[in-house]
PDB file of N, CA and C in Angstrom:
ATOM      1  N   MET A   1      12.496 -51.569  36.256  1.00  0.00           N
ATOM      2  CA  MET A   1      12.670 -50.750  37.763  1.00  0.00           C
ATOM      3  C   MET A   1      14.338 -50.417  37.130  1.00  0.00           C
ATOM      4  N   ARG A   2      14.591 -51.848  37.275  1.00  0.00           N
ATOM      5  CA  ARG A   2      16.422 -51.801  36.819  1.00  0.00           C
ATOM      6  C   ARG A   2      16.849 -51.066  35.864  1.00  0.00           C
ATOM      7  N   LEU A   3      15.894 -51.113  34.644  1.00  0.00           N
ATOM      8  CA  LEU A   3      16.622 -50.788  33.366  1.00  0.00           C
ATOM      9  C   LEU A   3      16.160 -49.199  33.408  1.00  0.00           C
ATOM     10  N   LYS A   4      15.434 -48.406  34.235  1.00  0.00           N
ATOM     11  CA  LYS A   4      15.149 -47.128  34.010  1.00  0.00           C
ATOM     12  C   LYS A   4      16.617 -46.413  35.143  1.00  0.00           C
ATOM     13  N   SER A   5      17.226 -47.704  36.112  1.00  0.00           N
ATOM     14  CA  SER A   5      18.063 -46.840  36.414  1.00  0.00           C
ATOM     15  C   SER A   5      19.290 -46.406  36.099  1.00  0.00           C
ATOM     16  N   VAL A   6      19.371 -48.383  34.921  1.00  0.00           N
ATOM     17  CA  VAL A   6      20.628 -48.557  34.288  1.00  0.00           C
ATOM     18  C   VAL A   6      20.504 -46.560  33.453  1.00  0.00           C
ATOM     19  N   ILE A   7      19.499 -46.842  32.688  1.00  0.00           N
ATOM     20  CA  ILE A   7      19.453 -45.579  31.721  1.00  0.00           C
ATOM     21  C   ILE A   7      19.925 -44.577  32.245  1.00  0.00           C
ATOM     22  N   LEU A   8      18.788 -44.162  33.175  1.00  0.00           N
ATOM     23  CA  LEU A   8      19.364 -42.316  34.277  1.00  0.00           C
ATOM     24  C   LEU A   8      20.741 -42.831  34.186  1.00  0.00           C
ATOM     25  N   ILE A   9      21.518 -43.519  34.870  1.00  0.00           N
ATOM     26  CA  ILE A   9      22.930 -43.648  34.814  1.00  0.00           C
ATOM     27  C   ILE A   9      23.611 -43.460  33.946  1.00  0.00           C
ATOM     28  N   LEU A  10      22.999 -43.933  32.629  1.00  0.00           N
ATOM     29  CA  LEU A  10      24.274 -43.707  31.223  1.00  0.00           C
ATOM     30  C   LEU A  10      23.413 -42.039  31.328  1.00  0.00           C
ATOM     31  N   PHE A  11      22.775 -41.938  31.133  1.00  0.00           N
ATOM     32  CA  PHE A  11      22.344 -40.346  30.382  1.00  0.00           C
ATOM     33  C   PHE A  11      23.151 -39.525  31.492  1.00  0.00           C
ATOM     34  N   LEU A  12      23.510 -39.887  32.703  1.00  0.00           N
ATOM     35  CA  LEU A  12      24.171 -38.328  33.440  1.00  0.00           C
ATOM     36  C   LEU A  12      25.379 -38.780  33.067  1.00  0.00           C
ATOM     37  N   LEU A  13      25.758 -39.903  32.931  1.00  0.00           N
ATOM     38  CA  LEU A  13      27.565 -40.121  32.221  1.00  0.00           C
ATOM     39  C   LEU A  13      27.774 -39.592  31.057  1.00  0.00           C
ATOM     40  N   THR A  14      26.967 -39.408  30.689  1.00  0.00           N
ATOM     41  CA  THR A  14      26.795 -39.124  28.940  1.00  0.00           C
ATOM     42  C   THR A  14      26.868 -37.362  29.241  1.00  0.00           C
ATOM     43  N   ALA A  15      26.030 -37.014  29.813  1.00  0.00           N
ATOM     44  CA  ALA A  15      26.098 -35.353  29.837  1.00  0.00           C
ATOM     45  C   ALA A  15      27.239 -35.260  30.735  1.00  0.00           C
ATOM     46  N   THR A  16      27.511 -35.770  31.242  1.00  0.00           N
ATOM     47  CA  THR A  16      28.785 -35.575  32.599  1.00  0.00           C
ATOM     48  C   THR A  16      29.997 -35.305  31.283  1.00  0.00           C
ATOM     49  N   ALA A  17      30.328 -36.419  30.941  1.00  0.00           N
ATOM     50  CA  ALA A  17      31.463 -36.334  29.527  1.00  0.00           C
ATOM     51  C   ALA A  17      31.126 -34.792  28.730  1.00  0.00           C
ATOM     52  N   LEU A  18      30.030 -35.256  28.361  1.00  0.00           N
ATOM     53  CA  LEU A  18      29.852 -34.156  27.275  1.00  0.00           C
ATOM     54  C   LEU A  18      30.077 -32.418  27.567  1.00  0.00           C
ATOM     55  N   THR A  19      29.776 -32.079  29.312  1.00  0.00           N
ATOM     56  CA  THR A  19      29.997 -30.902  29.700  1.00  0.00           C
ATOM     57  C   THR A  19      32.246 -30.907  29.705  1.00  0.00           C
ATOM     58  N   PHE A  20      32.035 -31.501  30.050  1.00  0.00           N
ATOM     59  CA  PHE A  20      33.781 -31.782  30.275  1.00  0.00           C
ATOM     60  C   PHE A  20      34.593 -31.872  28.802  1.00  0.00           C
ATOM     61  N   ALA A  21      33.880 -31.885  27.453  1.00  0.00           N
ATOM     62  CA  ALA A  21      34.519 -32.126  26.545  1.00  0.00           C
ATOM     63  C   ALA A  21      33.837 -30.875  25.549  1.00  0.00           C
ATOM     64  N   ALA A  22      33.354 -29.831  26.323  1.00  0.00           N
ATOM     65  CA  ALA A  22      32.742 -28.764  25.480  1.00  0.00           C
ATOM     66  C   ALA A  22      33.938 -28.473  24.639  1.00  0.00           C
ATOM     67  N   VAL A  23      33.371 -27.313  23.636  1.00  0.00           N
ATOM     68  CA  VAL A  23      34.445 -26.551  23.006  1.00  0.00           C
ATOM     69  C   VAL A  23      34.360 -25.159  22.729  1.00  0.00           C
ATOM     70  N   ASN A  24      35.709 -24.866  23.262  1.00  0.00           N
ATOM     71  CA  ASN A  24      35.445 -23.555  23.157  1.00  0.00           C
ATOM     72  C   ASN A  24      35.754 -23.005  21.720  1.00  0.00           C
ATOM     73  N   LYS A  25      34.700 -21.318  21.605  1.00  0.00           N
ATOM     74  CA  LYS A  25      34.664 -20.891  19.907  1.00  0.00           C
ATOM     75  C   LYS A  25      35.234 -19.192  20.290  1.00  0.00           C
ATOM     76  N   SER A  26      35.689 -18.925  18.849  1.00  0.00           N
ATOM     77  CA  SER A  26      35.956 -17.368  19.186  1.00  0.00           C
ATOM     78  C   SER A  26      36.022 -17.601  17.725  1.00  0.00           C
ATOM     79  N   THR A  27      35.780 -16.014  16.873  1.00  0.00           N
ATOM     80  CA  THR A  27      36.019 -15.800  15.629  1.00  0.00           C
ATOM     81  C   THR A  27      37.074 -14.435  15.153  1.00  0.00           C
ATOM     82  N   VAL A  28      38.078 -14.962  14.674  1.00  0.00           N
ATOM     83  CA  VAL A  28      39.139 -13.807  13.937  1.00  0.00           C
ATOM     84  C   VAL A  28      38.416 -13.697  12.529  1.00  0.00           C
ATOM     85  N   THR A  29      39.287 -11.850  12.410  1.00  0.00           N
ATOM     86  CA  THR A  29      39.367 -11.849  11.166  1.00  0.00           C
ATOM     87  C   THR A  29      40.770 -11.421  10.652  1.00  0.00           C
ATOM     88  N   PHE A  30      41.521 -11.780   9.520  1.00  0.00           N
ATOM     89  CA  PHE A  30      42.570 -11.587   9.205  1.00  0.00           C
ATOM     90  C   PHE A  30      42.433 -10.681   7.981  1.00  0.00           C
ATOM     91  N   SER A  31      43.235  -9.763   8.454  1.00  0.00           N
ATOM     92  CA  SER A  31      43.643  -8.364   7.415  1.00  0.00           C
ATOM     93  C   SER A  31      44.087  -8.405   6.023  1.00  0.00           C
ATOM     94  N   GLN A  32      45.118  -9.769   6.382  1.00  0.00           N
ATOM     95  CA  GLN A  32      46.092 -10.133   5.539  1.00  0.00           C
ATOM     96  C   GLN A  32      46.467 -11.551   5.627  1.00  0.00           C
ATOM     97  N   SER A  33      46.686 -12.286   4.667  1.00  0.00           N
ATOM     98  CA  SER A  33      47.415 -13.402   4.770  1.00  0.00           C
ATOM     99  C   SER A  33      47.972 -13.798   5.958  1.00  0.00           C
ATOM    100  N   VAL A  34      47.761 -14.906   6.882  1.00  0.00           N
ATOM    101  CA  VAL A  34      48.401 -15.613   7.880  1.00  0.00           C
ATOM    102  C   VAL A  34      49.040 -16.983   7.957  1.00  0.00           C
ATOM    103  N   THR A  35      50.105 -17.231   7.896  1.00  0.00           N
ATOM    104  CA  THR A  35      50.783 -18.860   8.309  1.00  0.00           C
ATOM    105  C   THR A  35      50.297 -19.656   9.662  1.00  0.00           C
ATOM    106  N   VAL A  36      49.828 -20.586   9.746  1.00  0.00           N
ATOM    107  CA  VAL A  36      50.070 -21.152  10.702  1.00  0.00           C
ATOM    108  C   VAL A  36      49.853 -22.685  10.376  1.00  0.00           C
ATOM    109  N   ALA A  37      51.027 -23.316  11.165  1.00  0.00           N
ATOM    110  CA  ALA A  37      51.152 -24.407  11.019  1.00  0.00           C
ATOM    111  C   ALA A  37      51.161 -25.344   9.370  1.00  0.00           C
ATOM    112  N   GLY A  38      52.221 -24.140   8.892  1.00  0.00           N
ATOM    113  CA  GLY A  38      52.311 -24.183   7.436  1.00  0.00           C
ATOM    114  C   GLY A  38      51.539 -24.113   6.228  1.00  0.00           C
ATOM    115  N   THR A  39      50.372 -23.636   7.147  1.00  0.00           N
ATOM    116  CA  THR A  39      48.850 -23.492   6.124  1.00  0.00           C
ATOM    117  C   THR A  39      48.617 -21.942   5.964  1.00  0.00           C
ATOM    118  N   THR A  40      48.547 -21.406   4.832  1.00  0.00           N
ATOM    119  CA  THR A  40      48.400 -20.260   4.425  1.00  0.00           C
ATOM    120  C   THR A  40      46.716 -20.001   4.478  1.00  0.00           C
ATOM    121  N   LEU A  41      46.237 -18.902   5.955  1.00  0.00           N
ATOM    122  CA  LEU A  41      44.963 -18.537   5.234  1.00  0.00           C
ATOM    123  C   LEU A  41      44.856 -16.970   4.800  1.00  0.00           C
ATOM    124  N   ASP A  42      43.850 -17.479   3.898  1.00  0.00           N
ATOM    125  CA  ASP A  42      43.748 -16.032   3.194  1.00  0.00           C
ATOM    126  C   ASP A  42      42.749 -15.010   4.184  1.00  0.00           C
ATOM    127  N   PRO A  43      42.847 -13.537   3.608  1.00  0.00           N
ATOM    128  CA  PRO A  43      41.924 -12.436   4.445  1.00  0.00           C
ATOM    129  C   PRO A  43      40.583 -12.926   4.655  1.00  0.00           C
ATOM    130  N   GLY A  44      40.325 -12.620   5.852  1.00  0.00           N
ATOM    131  CA  GLY A  44      39.029 -13.154   6.087  1.00  0.00           C
ATOM    132  C   GLY A  44      38.564 -13.422   7.274  1.00  0.00           C
ATOM    133  N   GLU A  45      37.148 -13.442   7.623  1.00  0.00           N
ATOM    134  CA  GLU A  45      36.778 -14.431   8.668  1.00  0.00           C
ATOM    135  C   GLU A  45      36.583 -15.817   9.081  1.00  0.00           C
ATOM    136  N   TYR A  46      36.651 -16.018  10.106  1.00  0.00           N
ATOM    137  CA  TYR A  46      37.007 -17.507  10.862  1.00  0.00           C
ATOM    138  C   TYR A  46      36.749 -17.783  12.086  1.00  0.00           C
ATOM    139  N   LYS A  47      36.235 -19.292  11.970  1.00  0.00           N
ATOM    140  CA  LYS A  47      35.679 -19.502  13.148  1.00  0.00           C
ATOM    141  C   LYS A  47      36.499 -20.566  13.811  1.00  0.00           C
ATOM    142  N   VAL A  48      37.210 -20.063  14.972  1.00  0.00           N
ATOM    143  CA  VAL A  48      38.249 -20.718  15.652  1.00  0.00           C
ATOM    144  C   VAL A  48      37.611 -21.688  16.913  1.00  0.00           C
ATOM    145  N   GLU A  49      37.485 -23.061  17.256  1.00  0.00           N
ATOM    146  CA  GLU A  49      37.537 -23.940  18.086  1.00  0.00           C
ATOM    147  C   GLU A  49      38.585 -24.707  18.616  1.00  0.00           C
ATOM    148  N   TRP A  50      38.475 -25.038  19.572  1.00  0.00           N
ATOM    149  CA  TRP A  50      39.443 -25.385  20.637  1.00  0.00           C
ATOM    150  C   TRP A  50      39.188 -26.596  21.508  1.00  0.00           C
ATOM    151  N   SER A  51      39.415 -27.342  21.721  1.00  0.00           N
ATOM    152  CA  SER A  51      39.122 -28.239  22.861  1.00  0.00           C
ATOM    153  C   SER A  51      40.195 -29.195  23.530  1.00  0.00           C
ATOM    154  N   GLY A  52      40.029 -29.551  24.535  1.00  0.00           N
ATOM    155  CA  GLY A  52      41.327 -30.345  25.530  1.00  0.00           C
ATOM    156  C   GLY A  52      41.090 -30.270  26.555  1.00  0.00           C
ATOM    157  N   THR A  53      41.942 -30.676  27.088  1.00  0.00           N
ATOM    158  CA  THR A  53      42.438 -30.427  29.163  1.00  0.00           C
ATOM    159  C   THR A  53      43.980 -30.333  29.355  1.00  0.00           C
ATOM    160  N   GLY A  54      43.511 -29.347  30.036  1.00  0.00           N
ATOM    161  CA  GLY A  54      44.689 -28.838  30.409  1.00  0.00           C
ATOM    162  C   GLY A  54      45.824 -28.113  29.948  1.00  0.00           C
ATOM    163  N   SER A  55      47.303 -27.353  29.622  1.00  0.00           N
ATOM    164  CA  SER A  55      47.571 -26.239  29.342  1.00  0.00           C
ATOM    165  C   SER A  55      47.475 -26.716  27.570  1.00  0.00           C
ATOM    166  N   GLU A  56      47.488 -27.798  26.852  1.00  0.00           N
ATOM    167  CA  GLU A  56      47.368 -28.459  25.590  1.00  0.00           C
ATOM    168  C   GLU A  56      46.564 -28.372  25.019  1.00  0.00           C
ATOM    169  N   VAL A  57      45.861 -27.886  23.829  1.00  0.00           N
ATOM    170  CA  VAL A  57      44.408 -27.823  23.200  1.00  0.00           C
ATOM    171  C   VAL A  57      44.507 -28.328  21.618  1.00  0.00           C
ATOM    172  N   ASP A  58      43.667 -28.408  20.871  1.00  0.00           N
ATOM    173  CA  ASP A  58      43.883 -28.529  19.743  1.00  0.00           C
ATOM    174  C   ASP A  58      42.897 -27.693  19.227  1.00  0.00           C
ATOM    175  N   VAL A  59      43.741 -26.901  17.978  1.00  0.00           N
ATOM    176  CA  VAL A  59      42.382 -25.784  17.619  1.00  0.00           C
ATOM    177  C   VAL A  59      42.367 -25.809  16.089  1.00  0.00           C
ATOM    178  N   THR A  60      40.724 -26.032  15.895  1.00  0.00           N
ATOM    179  CA  THR A  60      40.317 -26.176  14.637  1.00  0.00           C
ATOM    180  C   THR A  60      40.081 -24.759  13.971  1.00  0.00           C
ATOM    181  N   PHE A  61      40.571 -24.839  12.554  1.00  0.00           N
ATOM    182  CA  PHE A  61      39.858 -23.211  11.769  1.00  0.00           C
ATOM    183  C   PHE A  61      38.898 -23.588  10.973  1.00  0.00           C
ATOM    184  N   TRP A  62      38.713 -22.828  10.993  1.00  0.00           N
ATOM    185  CA  TRP A  62      37.138 -23.064   9.798  1.00  0.00           C
ATOM    186  C   TRP A  62      36.480 -21.866   9.561  1.00  0.00           C
ATOM    187  N   ARG A  63      36.307 -22.131   7.950  1.00  0.00           N
ATOM    188  CA  ARG A  63      35.966 -20.841   7.148  1.00  0.00           C
ATOM    189  C   ARG A  63      34.618 -21.157   6.604  1.00  0.00           C
ATOM    190  N   GLY A  64      33.412 -20.796   6.825  1.00  0.00           N
ATOM    191  CA  GLY A  64      32.282 -21.253   6.778  1.00  0.00           C
ATOM    192  C   GLY A  64      31.669 -22.227   7.210  1.00  0.00           C
ATOM    193  N   LYS A  65      31.605 -23.081   6.330  1.00  0.00           N
ATOM    194  CA  LYS A  65      31.227 -25.190   6.886  1.00  0.00           C
ATOM    195  C   LYS A  65      32.641 -25.442   6.605  1.00  0.00           C
ATOM    196  N   ASN A  66      33.606 -25.191   5.978  1.00  0.00           N
ATOM    197  CA  ASN A  66      34.771 -25.915   5.485  1.00  0.00           C
ATOM    198  C   ASN A  66      35.746 -25.780   6.654  1.00  0.00           C
ATOM    199  N   LYS A  67      36.487 -26.764   7.253  1.00  0.00           N
ATOM    200  CA  LYS A  67      37.342 -27.265   8.250  1.00  0.00           C
ATOM    201  C   LYS A  67      38.907 -26.813   6.771  1.00  0.00           C
ATOM    202  N   ILE A  68      39.374 -26.157   7.685  1.00  0.00           N
ATOM    203  CA  ILE A  68      40.829 -25.694   7.050  1.00  0.00           C
ATOM    204  C   ILE A  68      41.693 -26.561   7.889  1.00  0.00           C
ATOM    205  N   LEU A  69      41.838 -26.228   9.212  1.00  0.00           N
ATOM    206  CA  LEU A  69      43.133 -27.528   9.828  1.00  0.00           C
ATOM    207  C   LEU A  69      43.339 -27.157  10.863  1.00  0.00           C
ATOM    208  N   THR A  70      43.497 -28.091  11.504  1.00  0.00           N
ATOM    209  CA  THR A  70      43.573 -27.955  12.917  1.00  0.00           C
ATOM    210  C   THR A  70      44.861 -28.252  13.661  1.00  0.00           C
ATOM    211  N   THR A  71      45.556 -28.088  14.379  1.00  0.00           N
ATOM    212  CA  THR A  71      46.584 -27.589  15.283  1.00  0.00           C
ATOM    213  C   THR A  71      46.716 -27.619  16.503  1.00  0.00           C
ATOM    214  N   PRO A  72      48.129 -27.990  17.566  1.00  0.00           N
ATOM    215  CA  PRO A  72      48.238 -27.710  18.432  1.00  0.00           C
ATOM    216  C   PRO A  72      47.917 -26.492  19.140  1.00  0.00           C
ATOM    217  N   ALA A  73      48.040 -26.004  20.117  1.00  0.00           N
ATOM    218  CA  ALA A  73      48.057 -24.475  20.636  1.00  0.00           C
ATOM    219  C   ALA A  73      48.462 -24.938  22.083  1.00  0.00           C
ATOM    220  N   LYS A  74      48.990 -23.963  22.618  1.00  0.00           N
ATOM    221  CA  LYS A  74      49.038 -23.742  24.036  1.00  0.00           C
ATOM    222  C   LYS A  74      47.583 -22.755  24.888  1.00  0.00           C
ATOM    223  N   VAL A  75      47.067 -23.154  25.393  1.00  0.00           N
ATOM    224  CA  VAL A  75      45.636 -22.359  26.098  1.00  0.00           C
ATOM    225  C   VAL A  75      46.263 -21.731  27.563  1.00  0.00           C
ATOM    226  N   ASP A  76      46.019 -20.148  27.762  1.00  0.00           N
ATOM    227  CA  ASP A  76      46.308 -19.504  29.044  1.00  0.00           C
ATOM    228  C   ASP A  76      44.556 -19.105  29.177  1.00  0.00           C
ATOM    229  N   GLU A  77      43.973 -20.091  30.303  1.00  0.00           N
ATOM    230  CA  GLU A  77      42.765 -19.292  30.587  1.00  0.00           C
ATOM    231  C   GLU A  77      42.423 -17.851  31.633  1.00  0.00           C
ATOM    232  N   LYS A  78      42.585 -16.808  30.663  1.00  0.00           N
ATOM    233  CA  LYS A  78      42.661 -14.751  31.005  1.00  0.00           C
ATOM    234  C   LYS A  78      41.309 -14.694  30.266  1.00  0.00           C
ATOM    235  N   HIS A  79      41.106 -13.874  31.114  1.00  0.00           N
ATOM    236  CA  HIS A  79      39.733 -12.829  30.658  1.00  0.00           C
ATOM    237  C   HIS A  79      40.573 -11.687  29.929  1.00  0.00           C
ATOM    238  N   THR A  80      40.321 -10.924  29.007  1.00  0.00           N
ATOM    239  CA  THR A  80      40.437  -9.903  28.104  1.00  0.00           C
ATOM    240  C   THR A  80      39.245  -9.204  28.023  1.00  0.00           C
ATOM    241  N   ARG A  81      39.217  -7.667  27.387  1.00  0.00           N
ATOM    242  CA  ARG A  81      38.102  -7.155  27.225  1.00  0.00           C
ATOM    243  C   ARG A  81      38.026  -7.529  25.852  1.00  0.00           C
ATOM    244  N   TYR A  82      39.016  -7.349  24.815  1.00  0.00           N
ATOM    245  CA  TYR A  82      38.609  -7.812  23.434  1.00  0.00           C
ATOM    246  C   TYR A  82      39.499  -8.936  23.235  1.00  0.00           C
ATOM    247  N   ASP A  83      39.131  -9.210  21.697  1.00  0.00           N
ATOM    248  CA  ASP A  83      39.971 -10.223  20.745  1.00  0.00           C
ATOM    249  C   ASP A  83      40.918  -9.258  20.100  1.00  0.00           C
ATOM    250  N   SER A  84      41.887  -9.942  20.002  1.00  0.00           N
ATOM    251  CA  SER A  84      42.988  -9.563  19.470  1.00  0.00           C
ATOM    252  C   SER A  84      44.032 -10.944  18.583  1.00  0.00           C
ATOM    253  N   VAL A  85      44.727 -10.720  17.613  1.00  0.00           N
ATOM    254  CA  VAL A  85      45.611 -11.676  17.037  1.00  0.00           C
ATOM    255  C   VAL A  85      47.293 -11.089  16.698  1.00  0.00           C
ATOM    256  N   THR A  86      47.579 -11.822  17.384  1.00  0.00           N
ATOM    257  CA  THR A  86      49.517 -11.519  17.276  1.00  0.00           C
ATOM    258  C   THR A  86      49.814 -12.011  15.986  1.00  0.00           C
ATOM    259  N   THR A  87      50.785 -11.659  15.380  1.00  0.00           N
ATOM    260  CA  THR A  87      51.305 -11.810  14.152  1.00  0.00           C
ATOM    261  C   THR A  87      53.041 -12.068  14.375  1.00  0.00           C
ATOM    262  N   CYS A  88      53.784 -12.440  13.563  1.00  0.00           N
ATOM    263  CA  CYS A  88      55.181 -11.886  13.177  1.00  0.00           C
ATOM    264  C   CYS A  88      55.587 -12.390  11.770  1.00  0.00           C
ATOM    265  N   PRO A  89      55.960 -10.939  11.539  1.00  0.00           N
ATOM    266  CA  PRO A  89      56.763 -11.031   9.902  1.00  0.00           C
ATOM    267  C   PRO A  89      57.028 -12.605   9.610  1.00  0.00           C
ATOM    268  N   GLU A  90      56.921 -12.869   8.757  1.00  0.00           N
ATOM    269  CA  GLU A  90      58.028 -13.706   8.048  1.00  0.00           C
ATOM    270  C   GLU A  90      58.849 -13.029   7.027  1.00  0.00           C
ATOM    271  N   GLY A  91      60.217 -13.897   6.743  1.00  0.00           N
ATOM    272  CA  GLY A  91      60.994 -14.002   5.770  1.00  0.00           C
ATOM    273  C   GLY A  91      60.833 -13.576   4.171  1.00  0.00           C
ATOM    274  N   SER A  92      59.445 -14.352   3.949  1.00  0.00           N
ATOM    275  CA  SER A  92      59.238 -14.044   2.718  1.00  0.00           C
ATOM    276  C   SER A  92      57.875 -13.178   2.450  1.00  0.00           C
ATOM    277  N   GLY A  93      57.480 -12.606   3.248  1.00  0.00           N
ATOM    278  CA  GLY A  93      56.710 -11.095   3.469  1.00  0.00           C
ATOM    279  C   GLY A  93      55.095 -11.155   3.926  1.00  0.00           C
ATOM    280  N   GLY A  94      55.518 -12.746   4.469  1.00  0.00           N
ATOM    281  CA  GLY A  94      54.211 -12.928   5.431  1.00  0.00           C
ATOM    282  C   GLY A  94      54.243 -12.642   6.216  1.00  0.00           C
ATOM    283  N   ASN A  95      52.681 -13.218   7.195  1.00  0.00           N
ATOM    284  CA  ASN A  95      52.898 -13.740   8.307  1.00  0.00           C
ATOM    285  C   ASN A  95      52.897 -14.603   9.155  1.00  0.00           C
ATOM    286  N   THR A  96      53.300 -14.773  10.396  1.00  0.00           N
ATOM    287  CA  THR A  96      53.256 -16.092  10.878  1.00  0.00           C
ATOM    288  C   THR A  96      52.354 -15.373  12.007  1.00  0.00           C
ATOM    289  N   LEU A  97      51.182 -16.436  12.388  1.00  0.00           N
ATOM    290  CA  LEU A  97      50.168 -16.248  13.546  1.00  0.00           C
ATOM    291  C   LEU A  97      50.707 -17.091  14.853  1.00  0.00           C
ATOM    292  N   VAL A  98      51.145 -16.180  15.563  1.00  0.00           N
ATOM    293  CA  VAL A  98      51.502 -16.226  17.136  1.00  0.00           C
ATOM    294  C   VAL A  98      50.594 -16.704  18.067  1.00  0.00           C
ATOM    295  N   GLU A  99      49.945 -16.250  18.041  1.00  0.00           N
ATOM    296  CA  GLU A  99      48.755 -15.932  19.561  1.00  0.00           C
ATOM    297  C   GLU A  99      47.446 -15.446  18.946  1.00  0.00           C
ATOM    298  N   ILE A 100      46.270 -15.592  19.534  1.00  0.00           N
ATOM    299  CA  ILE A 100      45.137 -15.603  19.507  1.00  0.00           C
ATOM    300  C   ILE A 100      44.503 -15.054  21.027  1.00  0.00           C
ATOM    301  N   ASP A 101      44.228 -14.014  21.295  1.00  0.00           N
ATOM    302  CA  ASP A 101      43.361 -13.742  22.324  1.00  0.00           C
ATOM    303  C   ASP A 101      41.847 -13.435  22.525  1.00  0.00           C
ATOM    304  N   ALA A 102      41.274 -14.467  23.030  1.00  0.00           N
ATOM    305  CA  ALA A 102      39.571 -14.315  22.638  1.00  0.00           C
ATOM    306  C   ALA A 102      39.276 -13.953  24.342  1.00  0.00           C
ATOM    307  N   LYS A 103      37.993 -14.280  24.316  1.00  0.00           N
ATOM    308  CA  LYS A 103      37.405 -13.260  25.605  1.00  0.00           C
ATOM    309  C   LYS A 103      37.572 -14.225  26.869  1.00  0.00           C
ATOM    310  N   ASN A 104      37.981 -15.433  26.386  1.00  0.00           N
ATOM    311  CA  ASN A 104      38.378 -16.576  27.915  1.00  0.00           C
ATOM    312  C   ASN A 104      39.384 -16.974  27.861  1.00  0.00           C
ATOM    313  N   ALA A 105      40.138 -16.564  26.991  1.00  0.00           N
ATOM    314  CA  ALA A 105      41.469 -17.817  26.936  1.00  0.00           C
ATOM    315  C   ALA A 105      42.438 -16.919  25.756  1.00  0.00           C
ATOM    316  N   SER A 106      43.297 -16.914  26.141  1.00  0.00           N
ATOM    317  CA  SER A 106      44.536 -16.770  24.944  1.00  0.00           C
ATOM    318  C   SER A 106      45.253 -18.466  24.656  1.00  0.00           C
ATOM    319  N   LEU A 107      45.696 -18.390  22.782  1.00  0.00           N
ATOM    320  CA  LEU A 107      46.032 -19.503  22.240  1.00  0.00           C
ATOM    321  C   LEU A 107      46.856 -19.420  21.692  1.00  0.00           C
ATOM    322  N   ARG A 108      48.445 -19.957  22.182  1.00  0.00           N
ATOM    323  CA  ARG A 108      49.667 -19.234  21.660  1.00  0.00           C
ATOM    324  C   ARG A 108      50.012 -20.722  20.672  1.00  0.00           C
ATOM    325  N   PHE A 109      50.243 -20.434  19.491  1.00  0.00           N
ATOM    326  CA  PHE A 109      50.622 -21.465  18.385  1.00  0.00           C
ATOM    327  C   PHE A 109      51.983 -22.139  18.641  1.00  0.00           C
ATOM    328  N   VAL A 110      52.398 -23.416  18.932  1.00  0.00           N
ATOM    329  CA  VAL A 110      53.725 -23.790  19.101  1.00  0.00           C
ATOM    330  C   VAL A 110      54.405 -24.489  17.641  1.00  0.00           C
ATOM    331  N   GLU A 111      55.194 -24.801  17.634  1.00  0.00           N
ATOM    332  CA  GLU A 111      55.806 -25.116  16.093  1.00  0.00           C
ATOM    333  C   GLU A 111      55.618 -26.346  15.925  1.00  0.00           C
ATOM    334  N   SER A 112      54.725 -26.549  15.320  1.00  0.00           N
ATOM    335  CA  SER A 112      54.398 -28.205  14.775  1.00  0.00           C
ATOM    336  C   SER A 112      53.641 -28.336  13.159  1.00  0.00           C
ATOM    337  N   ASP A 113      53.421 -29.556  13.011  1.00  0.00           N
ATOM    338  CA  ASP A 113      52.906 -29.971  11.855  1.00  0.00           C
ATOM    339  C   ASP A 113      51.770 -29.682  12.164  1.00  0.00           C
ATOM    340  N   ALA A 114      50.382 -29.219  10.988  1.00  0.00           N
ATOM    341  CA  ALA A 114      49.033 -29.353  11.453  1.00  0.00           C
ATOM    342  C   ALA A 114      48.470 -30.625  11.125  1.00  0.00           C
ATOM    343  N   VAL A 115      47.631 -31.007  11.794  1.00  0.00           N
ATOM    344  CA  VAL A 115      46.828 -32.388  11.631  1.00  0.00           C
ATOM    345  C   VAL A 115      45.403 -32.427  11.175  1.00  0.00           C
ATOM    346  N   GLY A 116      45.020 -33.280  10.398  1.00  0.00           N
ATOM    347  CA  GLY A 116      43.648 -33.733  10.139  1.00  0.00           C
ATOM    348  C   GLY A 116      43.463 -32.383   9.033  1.00  0.00           C
ATOM    349  N   GLN A 117      44.149 -32.129   8.596  1.00  0.00           N
ATOM    350  CA  GLN A 117      43.412 -31.334   7.086  1.00  0.00           C
ATOM    351  C   GLN A 117      42.352 -32.043   6.189  1.00  0.00           C
TER     352      GLN A 117
END
């Protein structure tokens, strides 16, 4: 009986931890190349996942099953009607990714090096 109680408690703790460590997802499409955290993303569709607590999160960009990069961002939980992407022109003729507005959050990218490439 005691073993069953311990297993039940461990199961509940694990389920709670997984709930709080939930990963948020969105899909973005770039019509032109964009640079984020020093990495150029070619035009196309990307899956974007972010996780963390508070206002700072880690954002990972996936192209198909390939992880492209992970970089920090500031998140603002807000509800928007449409997904959108904000870029800023670079001096070299490209665009820098500034913000992704997903339906449940806004991700603003901070100037920092990418991690976990």
